[in-house]
Amino acid sequence: MMMFRAGDVHVAPGVALYHEGDETEYFYTAREGQGVRVKHLPNGERQVVNFIFPGDVVGLQAMLSGAAANSAIAASPMVLCRFEKRKLHELYRNSPQRAYALTWIAAAEEHFLGETIATLGQRTALQRMAWALLKIYNRLSAVGLALPNGAVPFPFRQRDLADAMGLSLVHTNKTLARLRRFAIWEKGSLRLVDAPALAELALTDCALPPDRPLL
């Protein structure tokens, strides 16, 4: 992987790694920090497609379509490993284990996006938010980011979560207030107070995601 890498990229909070429509020579894996992938609509609205957490692959989709379908923006200081897309076939030919890891990560993202679609279509606003907080917490815990007090870093704005869950900012604020007996998100960290009850409300379970390979 060191031979395949084309260096590291450091991105400051609020800065875009790339913009929607960009044609880039690289894709990335997030090493440190968190961000969002955002789709902007002609009317000025936006949809948060997904959050970017350590271990995620970013920008691989543009290899197939030619241009990025969304923008990737840092929410905290980020460090990403950069890889040249033109060398991807070498990875699949010379390192099948790493190629499998890359395919596994892409498949896991597709599975998560399918869950997200079901959530937006079938869960109530309260259930959506409970589902999002639980999944985010478990995802960050699984990559070792839980602090001694049980909290995980989550450096986003309420607007980001609102745009991810298809809710207004006001509705998001009120919904988070109703969930404070189950989960507390403040000062850039997220802590679960009652994970089983939050899972029951969200119509899901408390299981951590499976171990994911790292590139």
C-alpha atoms as a PDB file:
ATOM      1  CA  MET A   1       0.000   0.000   0.000  1.00  0.00           C
ATOM      2  CA  MET A   2       2.921   2.362   0.628  1.00  0.00           C
ATOM      3  CA  MET A   3       3.999   1.810  -2.986  1.00  0.00           C
ATOM      4  CA  PHE A   4       0.452   2.387  -4.204  1.00  0.00           C
ATOM      5  CA  ARG A   5      -0.083   5.581  -2.177  1.00  0.00           C
ATOM      6  CA  ALA A   6       0.538   8.988  -3.705  1.00  0.00           C
ATOM      7  CA  GLY A   7       1.016  10.804  -0.403  1.00  0.00           C
ATOM      8  CA  ASP A   8      -1.232  12.311   2.263  1.00  0.00           C
ATOM      9  CA  VAL A   9      -3.646  15.220   2.007  1.00  0.00           C
ATOM     10  CA  HIS A  10      -4.439  17.545   4.943  1.00  0.00           C
ATOM     11  CA  VAL A  11      -7.787  19.363   4.811  1.00  0.00           C
ATOM     12  CA  ALA A  12      -8.879  22.103   7.213  1.00  0.00           C
ATOM     13  CA  PRO A  13     -12.445  22.267   8.614  1.00  0.00           C
ATOM     14  CA  GLY A  14     -14.925  23.700   6.122  1.00  0.00           C
ATOM     15  CA  VAL A  15     -12.610  23.125   3.149  1.00  0.00           C
ATOM     16  CA  ALA A  16     -13.648  20.851   0.277  1.00  0.00           C
ATOM     17  CA  LEU A  17     -11.449  17.917  -0.679  1.00  0.00           C
ATOM     18  CA  TYR A  18     -13.145  18.124  -4.090  1.00  0.00           C
ATOM     19  CA  HIS A  19     -16.324  19.635  -5.505  1.00  0.00           C
ATOM     20  CA  GLU A  20     -19.259  18.142  -7.314  1.00  0.00           C
ATOM     21  CA  GLY A  21     -18.418  17.896 -11.020  1.00  0.00           C
ATOM     22  CA  ASP A  22     -14.647  17.839 -10.499  1.00  0.00           C
ATOM     23  CA  GLU A  23     -12.651  15.322 -12.490  1.00  0.00           C
ATOM     24  CA  THR A  24      -9.803  14.130 -10.304  1.00  0.00           C
ATOM     25  CA  GLU A  25      -6.911  11.728 -10.726  1.00  0.00           C
ATOM     26  CA  TYR A  26      -7.197  10.404  -7.197  1.00  0.00           C
ATOM     27  CA  PHE A  27      -9.382   8.670  -4.668  1.00  0.00           C
ATOM     28  CA  TYR A  28      -8.764   8.714  -0.916  1.00  0.00           C
ATOM     29  CA  THR A  29      -9.118   6.872   2.350  1.00  0.00           C
ATOM     30  CA  ALA A  30      -9.844   8.898   5.471  1.00  0.00           C
ATOM     31  CA  ARG A  31      -7.154   8.397   8.119  1.00  0.00           C
ATOM     32  CA  GLU A  32      -8.043  11.067  10.665  1.00  0.00           C
ATOM     33  CA  GLY A  33     -10.954  13.451  11.151  1.00  0.00           C
ATOM     34  CA  GLN A  34     -14.505  13.505   9.818  1.00  0.00           C
ATOM     35  CA  GLY A  35     -16.383  15.111   6.952  1.00  0.00           C
ATOM     36  CA  VAL A  36     -19.515  15.030   4.817  1.00  0.00           C
ATOM     37  CA  ARG A  37     -20.375  14.157   1.246  1.00  0.00           C
ATOM     38  CA  VAL A  38     -22.917  16.694  -0.028  1.00  0.00           C
ATOM     39  CA  LYS A  39     -25.144  16.872  -3.107  1.00  0.00           C
ATOM     40  CA  HIS A  40     -26.264  20.401  -4.033  1.00  0.00           C
ATOM     41  CA  LEU A  41     -29.596  20.938  -5.787  1.00  0.00           C
ATOM     42  CA  PRO A  42     -30.428  23.669  -8.347  1.00  0.00           C
ATOM     43  CA  ASN A  43     -32.810  25.389  -5.888  1.00  0.00           C
ATOM     44  CA  GLY A  44     -29.990  25.955  -3.404  1.00  0.00           C
ATOM     45  CA  GLU A  45     -30.935  23.115  -1.081  1.00  0.00           C
ATOM     46  CA  ARG A  46     -28.538  20.297  -0.308  1.00  0.00           C
ATOM     47  CA  GLN A  47     -28.605  16.651   0.725  1.00  0.00           C
ATOM     48  CA  VAL A  48     -25.940  15.133   2.931  1.00  0.00           C
ATOM     49  CA  VAL A  49     -25.337  11.831   1.156  1.00  0.00           C
ATOM     50  CA  ASN A  50     -23.145  10.371   3.856  1.00  0.00           C
ATOM     51  CA  PHE A  51     -20.742  11.219   6.639  1.00  0.00           C
ATOM     52  CA  ILE A  52     -17.035  10.498   6.193  1.00  0.00           C
ATOM     53  CA  PHE A  53     -15.395   8.621   9.061  1.00  0.00           C
ATOM     54  CA  PRO A  54     -11.886   7.155   9.475  1.00  0.00           C
ATOM     55  CA  GLY A  55     -11.450   4.132   7.233  1.00  0.00           C
ATOM     56  CA  ASP A  56     -13.926   5.298   4.598  1.00  0.00           C
ATOM     57  CA  VAL A  57     -13.042   5.409   0.912  1.00  0.00           C
ATOM     58  CA  VAL A  58     -13.756   8.790  -0.682  1.00  0.00           C
ATOM     59  CA  GLY A  59     -13.996   9.678  -4.372  1.00  0.00           C
ATOM     60  CA  LEU A  60     -13.905   6.190  -5.870  1.00  0.00           C
ATOM     61  CA  GLN A  61     -17.291   6.698  -7.560  1.00  0.00           C
ATOM     62  CA  ALA A  62     -15.858   9.414  -9.814  1.00  0.00           C
ATOM     63  CA  MET A  63     -13.586   6.814 -11.370  1.00  0.00           C
ATOM     64  CA  LEU A  64     -16.590   5.245 -13.087  1.00  0.00           C
ATOM     65  CA  SER A  65     -18.650   8.325 -13.921  1.00  0.00           C
ATOM     66  CA  GLY A  66     -15.719  10.588 -14.810  1.00  0.00           C
ATOM     67  CA  ALA A  67     -16.778  13.407 -12.489  1.00  0.00           C
ATOM     68  CA  ALA A  68     -17.577  13.622  -8.798  1.00  0.00           C
ATOM     69  CA  ALA A  69     -21.295  13.263  -8.095  1.00  0.00           C
ATOM     70  CA  ASN A  70     -21.020  15.189  -4.824  1.00  0.00           C
ATOM     71  CA  SER A  71     -18.684  17.384  -2.816  1.00  0.00           C
ATOM     72  CA  ALA A  72     -16.533  16.113   0.053  1.00  0.00           C
ATOM     73  CA  ILE A  73     -16.103  18.682   2.835  1.00  0.00           C
ATOM     74  CA  ALA A  74     -14.109  18.390   6.065  1.00  0.00           C
ATOM     75  CA  ALA A  75     -15.969  18.969   9.335  1.00  0.00           C
ATOM     76  CA  SER A  76     -12.775  18.725  11.404  1.00  0.00           C
ATOM     77  CA  PRO A  77      -9.074  18.673  10.512  1.00  0.00           C
ATOM     78  CA  MET A  78      -8.691  15.668   8.228  1.00  0.00           C
ATOM     79  CA  VAL A  79      -5.784  13.565   7.008  1.00  0.00           C
ATOM     80  CA  LEU A  80      -6.465  11.370   3.981  1.00  0.00           C
ATOM     81  CA  CYS A  81      -4.302   8.892   2.088  1.00  0.00           C
ATOM     82  CA  ARG A  82      -4.280   9.673  -1.622  1.00  0.00           C
ATOM     83  CA  PHE A  83      -4.214   7.000  -4.349  1.00  0.00           C
ATOM     84  CA  GLU A  84      -3.938   7.359  -8.108  1.00  0.00           C
ATOM     85  CA  LYS A  85      -6.967   5.959  -9.898  1.00  0.00           C
ATOM     86  CA  ARG A  86      -4.915   4.915 -12.922  1.00  0.00           C
ATOM     87  CA  LYS A  87      -3.029   2.427 -10.718  1.00  0.00           C
ATOM     88  CA  LEU A  88      -6.165   0.751  -9.417  1.00  0.00           C
ATOM     89  CA  HIS A  89      -5.915  -2.112 -11.926  1.00  0.00           C
ATOM     90  CA  GLU A  90      -2.403  -2.832 -10.595  1.00  0.00           C
ATOM     91  CA  LEU A  91      -3.820  -3.215  -7.102  1.00  0.00           C
ATOM     92  CA  TYR A  92      -6.395  -5.752  -8.281  1.00  0.00           C
ATOM     93  CA  ARG A  93      -3.779  -7.659 -10.263  1.00  0.00           C
ATOM     94  CA  ASN A  94      -0.898  -7.645  -7.781  1.00  0.00           C
ATOM     95  CA  SER A  95      -2.592  -7.490  -4.389  1.00  0.00           C
ATOM     96  CA  PRO A  96      -5.883  -9.407  -4.376  1.00  0.00           C
ATOM     97  CA  GLN A  97      -6.224  -9.171  -0.593  1.00  0.00           C
ATOM     98  CA  ARG A  98      -6.087  -5.364  -0.724  1.00  0.00           C
ATOM     99  CA  ALA A  99      -8.409  -5.372  -3.726  1.00  0.00           C
ATOM    100  CA  TYR A 100     -10.881  -7.466  -1.753  1.00  0.00           C
ATOM    101  CA  ALA A 101     -10.631  -4.998   1.144  1.00  0.00           C
ATOM    102  CA  LEU A 102     -11.447  -2.108  -1.197  1.00  0.00           C
ATOM    103  CA  THR A 103     -14.413  -4.006  -2.637  1.00  0.00           C
ATOM    104  CA  TRP A 104     -15.614  -4.877   0.884  1.00  0.00           C
ATOM    105  CA  ILE A 105     -15.567  -1.230   1.945  1.00  0.00           C
ATOM    106  CA  ALA A 106     -17.474  -0.163  -1.187  1.00  0.00           C
ATOM    107  CA  ALA A 107     -20.078  -2.899  -0.604  1.00  0.00           C
ATOM    108  CA  ALA A 108     -20.458  -1.885   3.059  1.00  0.00           C
ATOM    109  CA  GLU A 109     -21.151   1.698   1.982  1.00  0.00           C
ATOM    110  CA  GLU A 110     -23.767   0.525  -0.508  1.00  0.00           C
ATOM    111  CA  HIS A 111     -25.441  -1.496   2.251  1.00  0.00           C
ATOM    112  CA  PHE A 112     -25.458   1.510   4.580  1.00  0.00           C
ATOM    113  CA  LEU A 113     -26.931   3.774   1.902  1.00  0.00           C
ATOM    114  CA  GLY A 114     -29.694   1.205   1.390  1.00  0.00           C
ATOM    115  CA  GLU A 115     -30.462   1.371   5.112  1.00  0.00           C
ATOM    116  CA  THR A 116     -30.500   5.158   4.892  1.00  0.00           C
ATOM    117  CA  ILE A 117     -33.034   5.125   2.050  1.00  0.00           C
ATOM    118  CA  ALA A 118     -35.295   2.811   4.074  1.00  0.00           C
ATOM    119  CA  THR A 119     -34.924   5.134   7.060  1.00  0.00           C
ATOM    120  CA  LEU A 120     -35.844   8.257   5.103  1.00  0.00           C
ATOM    121  CA  GLY A 121     -38.832   6.519   3.526  1.00  0.00           C
ATOM    122  CA  GLN A 122     -40.288   4.501   6.375  1.00  0.00           C
ATOM    123  CA  ARG A 123     -39.177   5.840   9.761  1.00  0.00           C
ATOM    124  CA  THR A 124     -40.715   8.804  11.546  1.00  0.00           C
ATOM    125  CA  ALA A 125     -38.589  11.866  12.301  1.00  0.00           C
ATOM    126  CA  LEU A 126     -37.951  10.644  15.859  1.00  0.00           C
ATOM    127  CA  GLN A 127     -37.055   7.160  14.630  1.00  0.00           C
ATOM    128  CA  ARG A 128     -34.783   8.576  11.925  1.00  0.00           C
ATOM    129  CA  MET A 129     -32.800  10.628  14.399  1.00  0.00           C
ATOM    130  CA  ALA A 130     -32.576   7.766  16.886  1.00  0.00           C
ATOM    131  CA  TRP A 131     -31.341   5.486  14.088  1.00  0.00           C
ATOM    132  CA  ALA A 132     -28.760   8.019  12.917  1.00  0.00           C
ATOM    133  CA  LEU A 133     -27.337   8.698  16.380  1.00  0.00           C
ATOM    134  CA  LEU A 134     -27.066   4.998  17.167  1.00  0.00           C
ATOM    135  CA  LYS A 135     -25.436   4.080  13.831  1.00  0.00           C
ATOM    136  CA  ILE A 136     -23.008   6.997  14.014  1.00  0.00           C
ATOM    137  CA  TYR A 137     -22.019   6.182  17.586  1.00  0.00           C
ATOM    138  CA  ASN A 138     -21.469   2.499  16.819  1.00  0.00           C
ATOM    139  CA  ARG A 139     -19.529   3.270  13.653  1.00  0.00           C
ATOM    140  CA  LEU A 140     -17.141   5.614  15.470  1.00  0.00           C
ATOM    141  CA  SER A 141     -16.795   3.241  18.430  1.00  0.00           C
ATOM    142  CA  ALA A 142     -15.895   0.409  16.065  1.00  0.00           C
ATOM    143  CA  VAL A 143     -12.832   2.306  14.802  1.00  0.00           C
ATOM    144  CA  GLY A 144     -11.601   3.001  18.334  1.00  0.00           C
ATOM    145  CA  LEU A 145     -12.703   6.608  18.776  1.00  0.00           C
ATOM    146  CA  ALA A 146     -14.690   6.141  21.994  1.00  0.00           C
ATOM    147  CA  LEU A 147     -13.264   8.252  24.840  1.00  0.00           C
ATOM    148  CA  PRO A 148     -12.955   7.076  28.484  1.00  0.00           C
ATOM    149  CA  ASN A 149     -16.257   8.792  29.301  1.00  0.00           C
ATOM    150  CA  GLY A 150     -17.992   6.797  26.559  1.00  0.00           C
ATOM    151  CA  ALA A 151     -18.395   9.720  24.153  1.00  0.00           C
ATOM    152  CA  VAL A 152     -17.225   9.754  20.537  1.00  0.00           C
ATOM    153  CA  PRO A 153     -16.144  12.855  18.590  1.00  0.00           C
ATOM    154  CA  PHE A 154     -18.851  14.129  16.251  1.00  0.00           C
ATOM    155  CA  PRO A 155     -17.798  17.608  15.047  1.00  0.00           C
ATOM    156  CA  PHE A 156     -20.799  18.436  12.866  1.00  0.00           C
ATOM    157  CA  ARG A 157     -23.528  21.050  12.897  1.00  0.00           C
ATOM    158  CA  GLN A 158     -27.201  20.314  13.459  1.00  0.00           C
ATOM    159  CA  ARG A 159     -27.750  21.427   9.876  1.00  0.00           C
ATOM    160  CA  ASP A 160     -25.566  18.548   8.655  1.00  0.00           C
ATOM    161  CA  LEU A 161     -27.671  15.998  10.509  1.00  0.00           C
ATOM    162  CA  ALA A 162     -30.866  17.726   9.359  1.00  0.00           C
ATOM    163  CA  ASP A 163     -29.742  17.586   5.731  1.00  0.00           C
ATOM    164  CA  ALA A 164     -28.804  13.925   6.117  1.00  0.00           C
ATOM    165  CA  MET A 165     -32.170  12.952   7.606  1.00  0.00           C
ATOM    166  CA  GLY A 166     -34.384  15.131   5.392  1.00  0.00           C
ATOM    167  CA  LEU A 167     -35.622  17.322   8.246  1.00  0.00           C
ATOM    168  CA  SER A 168     -35.793  21.052   8.837  1.00  0.00           C
ATOM    169  CA  LEU A 169     -33.313  22.580  11.249  1.00  0.00           C
ATOM    170  CA  VAL A 170     -36.101  23.477  13.685  1.00  0.00           C
ATOM    171  CA  HIS A 171     -37.534  19.951  13.574  1.00  0.00           C
ATOM    172  CA  THR A 172     -34.059  18.501  14.082  1.00  0.00           C
ATOM    173  CA  ASN A 173     -33.451  20.676  17.141  1.00  0.00           C
ATOM    174  CA  LYS A 174     -36.763  19.655  18.715  1.00  0.00           C
ATOM    175  CA  THR A 175     -36.198  15.983  17.916  1.00  0.00           C
ATOM    176  CA  LEU A 176     -32.713  15.987  19.460  1.00  0.00           C
ATOM    177  CA  ALA A 177     -34.182  17.590  22.587  1.00  0.00           C
ATOM    178  CA  ARG A 178     -36.740  14.746  22.847  1.00  0.00           C
ATOM    179  CA  LEU A 179     -33.908  12.198  22.566  1.00  0.00           C
ATOM    180  CA  ARG A 180     -31.670  13.649  25.288  1.00  0.00           C
ATOM    181  CA  ARG A 181     -32.672  10.933  27.762  1.00  0.00           C
ATOM    182  CA  PHE A 182     -31.243   8.397  25.284  1.00  0.00           C
ATOM    183  CA  ALA A 183     -28.356  10.280  23.630  1.00  0.00           C
ATOM    184  CA  ILE A 184     -26.566  13.581  24.204  1.00  0.00           C
ATOM    185  CA  TRP A 185     -24.813  15.453  21.395  1.00  0.00           C
ATOM    186  CA  GLU A 186     -23.075  18.634  22.511  1.00  0.00           C
ATOM    187  CA  LYS A 187     -19.722  20.404  22.191  1.00  0.00           C
ATOM    188  CA  GLY A 188     -18.598  18.206  19.335  1.00  0.00           C
ATOM    189  CA  SER A 189     -19.135  14.867  21.047  1.00  0.00           C
ATOM    190  CA  LEU A 190     -21.885  12.244  21.087  1.00  0.00           C
ATOM    191  CA  ARG A 191     -22.654  10.031  24.079  1.00  0.00           C
ATOM    192  CA  LEU A 192     -25.328   7.372  24.432  1.00  0.00           C
ATOM    193  CA  VAL A 193     -27.225   7.322  27.719  1.00  0.00           C
ATOM    194  CA  ASP A 194     -29.474   4.330  26.969  1.00  0.00           C
ATOM    195  CA  ALA A 195     -28.414   2.496  23.819  1.00  0.00           C
ATOM    196  CA  PRO A 196     -30.956  -0.383  24.079  1.00  0.00           C
ATOM    197  CA  ALA A 197     -33.866   2.038  24.435  1.00  0.00           C
ATOM    198  CA  LEU A 198     -32.525   4.136  21.547  1.00  0.00           C
ATOM    199  CA  ALA A 199     -32.255   1.001  19.397  1.00  0.00           C
ATOM    200  CA  GLU A 200     -35.802  -0.038  20.263  1.00  0.00           C
ATOM    201  CA  LEU A 201     -37.081   3.402  19.307  1.00  0.00           C
ATOM    202  CA  ALA A 202     -35.093   3.303  16.052  1.00  0.00           C
ATOM    203  CA  LEU A 203     -36.446  -0.167  15.121  1.00  0.00           C
ATOM    204  CA  THR A 204     -32.938  -1.603  14.950  1.00  0.00           C
ATOM    205  CA  ASP A 205     -30.369  -3.285  17.206  1.00  0.00           C
ATOM    206  CA  CYS A 206     -27.294  -2.198  19.156  1.00  0.00           C
ATOM    207  CA  ALA A 207     -24.818  -4.420  17.330  1.00  0.00           C
ATOM    208  CA  LEU A 208     -21.533  -2.857  16.282  1.00  0.00           C
ATOM    209  CA  PRO A 209     -20.753  -3.014  12.567  1.00  0.00           C
ATOM    210  CA  PRO A 210     -18.447  -5.865  11.493  1.00  0.00           C
ATOM    211  CA  ASP A 211     -14.700  -5.274  11.544  1.00  0.00           C
ATOM    212  CA  ARG A 212     -13.773  -3.407   8.420  1.00  0.00           C
ATOM    213  CA  PRO A 213     -10.457  -3.661   6.590  1.00  0.00           C
ATOM    214  CA  LEU A 214      -8.274  -0.563   6.498  1.00  0.00           C
ATOM    215  CA  LEU A 215      -6.316   0.638   3.468  1.00  0.00           C
END
